[in-house]
C-alpha atoms as a PDB file:
ATOM      1  CA  MET A   1     -12.948  -5.164   6.203  1.00  0.00           C
ATOM      2  CA  ALA A   2     -10.647  -8.025   5.322  1.00  0.00           C
ATOM      3  CA  ALA A   3      -6.938  -7.250   5.259  1.00  0.00           C
ATOM      4  CA  ARG A   4      -6.485  -7.303   1.508  1.00  0.00           C
ATOM      5  CA  ILE A   5      -3.578  -4.878   1.644  1.00  0.00           C
ATOM      6  CA  ARG A   6      -0.998  -5.145   4.388  1.00  0.00           C
ATOM      7  CA  LYS A   7       2.231  -3.440   5.366  1.00  0.00           C
ATOM      8  CA  GLY A   8       5.069  -4.502   3.065  1.00  0.00           C
ATOM      9  CA  ASP A   9       2.851  -5.301   0.046  1.00  0.00           C
ATOM     10  CA  ARG A  10       3.748  -3.955  -3.403  1.00  0.00           C
ATOM     11  CA  VAL A  11       0.903  -1.892  -4.830  1.00  0.00           C
ATOM     12  CA  VAL A  12       0.206   0.251  -7.907  1.00  0.00           C
ATOM     13  CA  VAL A  13      -1.753   3.529  -7.744  1.00  0.00           C
ATOM     14  CA  LEU A  14      -4.904   3.453  -9.912  1.00  0.00           C
ATOM     15  CA  ALA A  15      -6.132   7.061  -9.678  1.00  0.00           C
ATOM     16  CA  GLY A  16      -4.940  10.560  -8.941  1.00  0.00           C
ATOM     17  CA  ARG A  17      -1.747  12.500  -9.554  1.00  0.00           C
ATOM     18  CA  TYR A  18       0.451   9.442  -8.936  1.00  0.00           C
ATOM     19  CA  LYS A  19      -1.517   7.102 -11.236  1.00  0.00           C
ATOM     20  CA  GLY A  20       0.688   4.242 -12.441  1.00  0.00           C
ATOM     21  CA  ALA A  21       3.287   4.616  -9.678  1.00  0.00           C
ATOM     22  CA  THR A  22       4.264   1.509  -7.737  1.00  0.00           C
ATOM     23  CA  GLY A  23       5.624   1.294  -4.228  1.00  0.00           C
ATOM     24  CA  GLU A  24       5.677  -0.574  -0.966  1.00  0.00           C
ATOM     25  CA  VAL A  25       2.998  -0.052   1.670  1.00  0.00           C
ATOM     26  CA  LEU A  26       4.660   1.586   4.680  1.00  0.00           C
ATOM     27  CA  ARG A  27       1.605   1.871   6.918  1.00  0.00           C
ATOM     28  CA  VAL A  28      -2.057   0.839   6.901  1.00  0.00           C
ATOM     29  CA  ILE A  29      -4.734   2.917   8.671  1.00  0.00           C
ATOM     30  CA  PRO A  30      -7.781   0.589   8.854  1.00  0.00           C
ATOM     31  CA  LYS A  31     -10.113   3.024  10.646  1.00  0.00           C
ATOM     32  CA  GLU A  32      -9.767   5.585   7.850  1.00  0.00           C
ATOM     33  CA  GLU A  33      -9.385   2.958   5.071  1.00  0.00           C
ATOM     34  CA  ARG A  34      -6.111   4.564   3.969  1.00  0.00           C
ATOM     35  CA  VAL A  35      -2.584   3.396   3.205  1.00  0.00           C
ATOM     36  CA  VAL A  36       0.784   5.136   3.071  1.00  0.00           C
ATOM     37  CA  VAL A  37       2.807   4.122  -0.012  1.00  0.00           C
ATOM     38  CA  GLN A  38       6.527   4.768  -0.352  1.00  0.00           C
ATOM     39  CA  GLY A  39       7.258   7.621  -2.782  1.00  0.00           C
ATOM     40  CA  VAL A  40       3.570   8.336  -3.466  1.00  0.00           C
ATOM     41  CA  ASN A  41       1.580  11.451  -2.453  1.00  0.00           C
ATOM     42  CA  VAL A  42       4.662  13.231  -1.112  1.00  0.00           C
ATOM     43  CA  VAL A  43       3.781  16.488   0.661  1.00  0.00           C
ATOM     44  CA  LYS A  44       5.817  19.245   2.329  1.00  0.00           C
ATOM     45  CA  ARG A  45       5.129  20.617   5.791  1.00  0.00           C
ATOM     46  CA  HIS A  46       6.810  23.536   7.547  1.00  0.00           C
ATOM     47  CA  GLN A  47       7.996  22.301  10.931  1.00  0.00           C
ATOM     48  CA  ARG A  48       8.774  24.701  13.791  1.00  0.00           C
ATOM     49  CA  PRO A  49      12.032  23.836  15.587  1.00  0.00           C
ATOM     50  CA  ASN A  50      11.891  22.259  19.037  1.00  0.00           C
ATOM     51  CA  GLN A  51      14.345  20.579  21.428  1.00  0.00           C
ATOM     52  CA  MET A  52      14.342  17.295  19.519  1.00  0.00           C
ATOM     53  CA  ASP A  53      14.130  18.533  15.919  1.00  0.00           C
ATOM     54  CA  PRO A  54      15.815  21.453  14.126  1.00  0.00           C
ATOM     55  CA  GLY A  55      12.670  22.131  12.098  1.00  0.00           C
ATOM     56  CA  GLY A  56      12.526  23.271   8.475  1.00  0.00           C
ATOM     57  CA  ILE A  57      10.572  22.026   5.493  1.00  0.00           C
ATOM     58  CA  LYS A  58       9.846  18.314   5.951  1.00  0.00           C
ATOM     59  CA  ARG A  59       8.812  15.952   3.128  1.00  0.00           C
ATOM     60  CA  PHE A  60       6.748  12.858   3.867  1.00  0.00           C
ATOM     61  CA  GLU A  61       4.195  10.543   2.284  1.00  0.00           C
ATOM     62  CA  ALA A  62       0.571  11.361   3.038  1.00  0.00           C
ATOM     63  CA  PRO A  63      -2.065   8.592   3.190  1.00  0.00           C
ATOM     64  CA  ILE A  64      -4.188   7.743   0.141  1.00  0.00           C
ATOM     65  CA  HIS A  65      -7.481   5.873   0.067  1.00  0.00           C
ATOM     66  CA  VAL A  66      -7.224   2.110  -0.199  1.00  0.00           C
ATOM     67  CA  SER A  67      -9.642   2.086  -3.175  1.00  0.00           C
ATOM     68  CA  ASN A  68      -7.037   3.983  -5.232  1.00  0.00           C
ATOM     69  CA  VAL A  69      -4.414   1.239  -4.996  1.00  0.00           C
ATOM     70  CA  ALA A  70      -4.298  -2.330  -6.278  1.00  0.00           C
ATOM     71  CA  HIS A  71      -2.004  -5.219  -5.551  1.00  0.00           C
ATOM     72  CA  VAL A  72       0.822  -5.941  -8.002  1.00  0.00           C
ATOM     73  CA  ASP A  73       0.556  -9.434  -9.487  1.00  0.00           C
ATOM     74  CA  PRO A  74       3.717 -11.353  -8.545  1.00  0.00           C
ATOM     75  CA  ARG A  75       3.822 -13.026 -11.980  1.00  0.00           C
ATOM     76  CA  ASP A  76       3.503 -10.109 -14.462  1.00  0.00           C
ATOM     77  CA  ASN A  77       3.690  -6.916 -12.307  1.00  0.00           C
ATOM     78  CA  LYS A  78       0.227  -5.710 -13.353  1.00  0.00           C
ATOM     79  CA  PRO A  79      -2.657  -4.635 -11.063  1.00  0.00           C
ATOM     80  CA  THR A  80      -4.777  -7.455  -9.717  1.00  0.00           C
ATOM     81  CA  ARG A  81      -7.610  -8.022  -7.304  1.00  0.00           C
ATOM     82  CA  VAL A  82      -7.059 -10.079  -4.167  1.00  0.00           C
ATOM     83  CA  GLY A  83      -8.927 -13.240  -3.265  1.00  0.00           C
ATOM     84  CA  PHE A  84      -8.816 -15.541  -0.250  1.00  0.00           C
ATOM     85  CA  ARG A  85      -8.495 -19.319  -0.065  1.00  0.00           C
ATOM     86  CA  PHE A  86      -7.284 -21.965   2.351  1.00  0.00           C
ATOM     87  CA  ASP A  87      -3.940 -23.700   1.744  1.00  0.00           C
ATOM     88  CA  GLU A  88      -3.107 -27.358   2.403  1.00  0.00           C
ATOM     89  CA  HIS A  89      -2.385 -26.595   6.083  1.00  0.00           C
ATOM     90  CA  GLY A  90      -5.796 -24.973   6.591  1.00  0.00           C
ATOM     91  CA  ARG A  91      -4.460 -21.418   6.794  1.00  0.00           C
ATOM     92  CA  LYS A  92      -6.344 -18.578   5.067  1.00  0.00           C
ATOM     93  CA  THR A  93      -4.068 -17.005   2.449  1.00  0.00           C
ATOM     94  CA  ARG A  94      -4.341 -14.242  -0.130  1.00  0.00           C
ATOM     95  CA  TYR A  95      -3.920 -14.887  -3.846  1.00  0.00           C
ATOM     96  CA  ALA A  96      -3.842 -12.791  -7.018  1.00  0.00           C
ATOM     97  CA  LYS A  97      -7.062 -13.303  -8.981  1.00  0.00           C
ATOM     98  CA  ARG A  98      -5.287 -12.374 -12.231  1.00  0.00           C
ATOM     99  CA  SER A  99      -2.790 -15.262 -12.197  1.00  0.00           C
ATOM    100  CA  GLY A 100      -3.971 -17.421  -9.282  1.00  0.00           C
ATOM    101  CA  GLU A 101      -0.541 -17.117  -7.655  1.00  0.00           C
ATOM    102  CA  SER A 102      -0.268 -16.860  -3.881  1.00  0.00           C
ATOM    103  CA  ILE A 103       0.616 -13.452  -2.410  1.00  0.00           C
ATOM    104  CA  ASP A 104       1.394 -14.692   1.093  1.00  0.00           C
ATOM    105  CA  VAL A 105       4.616 -16.673   1.114  1.00  0.00           C
END
């Protein structure tokens, strides 16, 4: 699987309860093909107190499948697919197929 979505990318959710929400990718889990997006798929867990943590009800973002998110086009902030090409220095870079603009800066 090519790294189409990486940590720090801006993505928009395409399906599910958070459809249409945008956020930054906080973590990528390649083995499970999932990503954690800031402010998306927020769940609550009851945490038992221990020596390091007082416990209580904790809120955090749960992972969502990578197929349910799309990159945000840097030009018009709409969902786009990601393509790969080589720049003038011979490096492989990602670009938005919608506008042709480079994603990697």
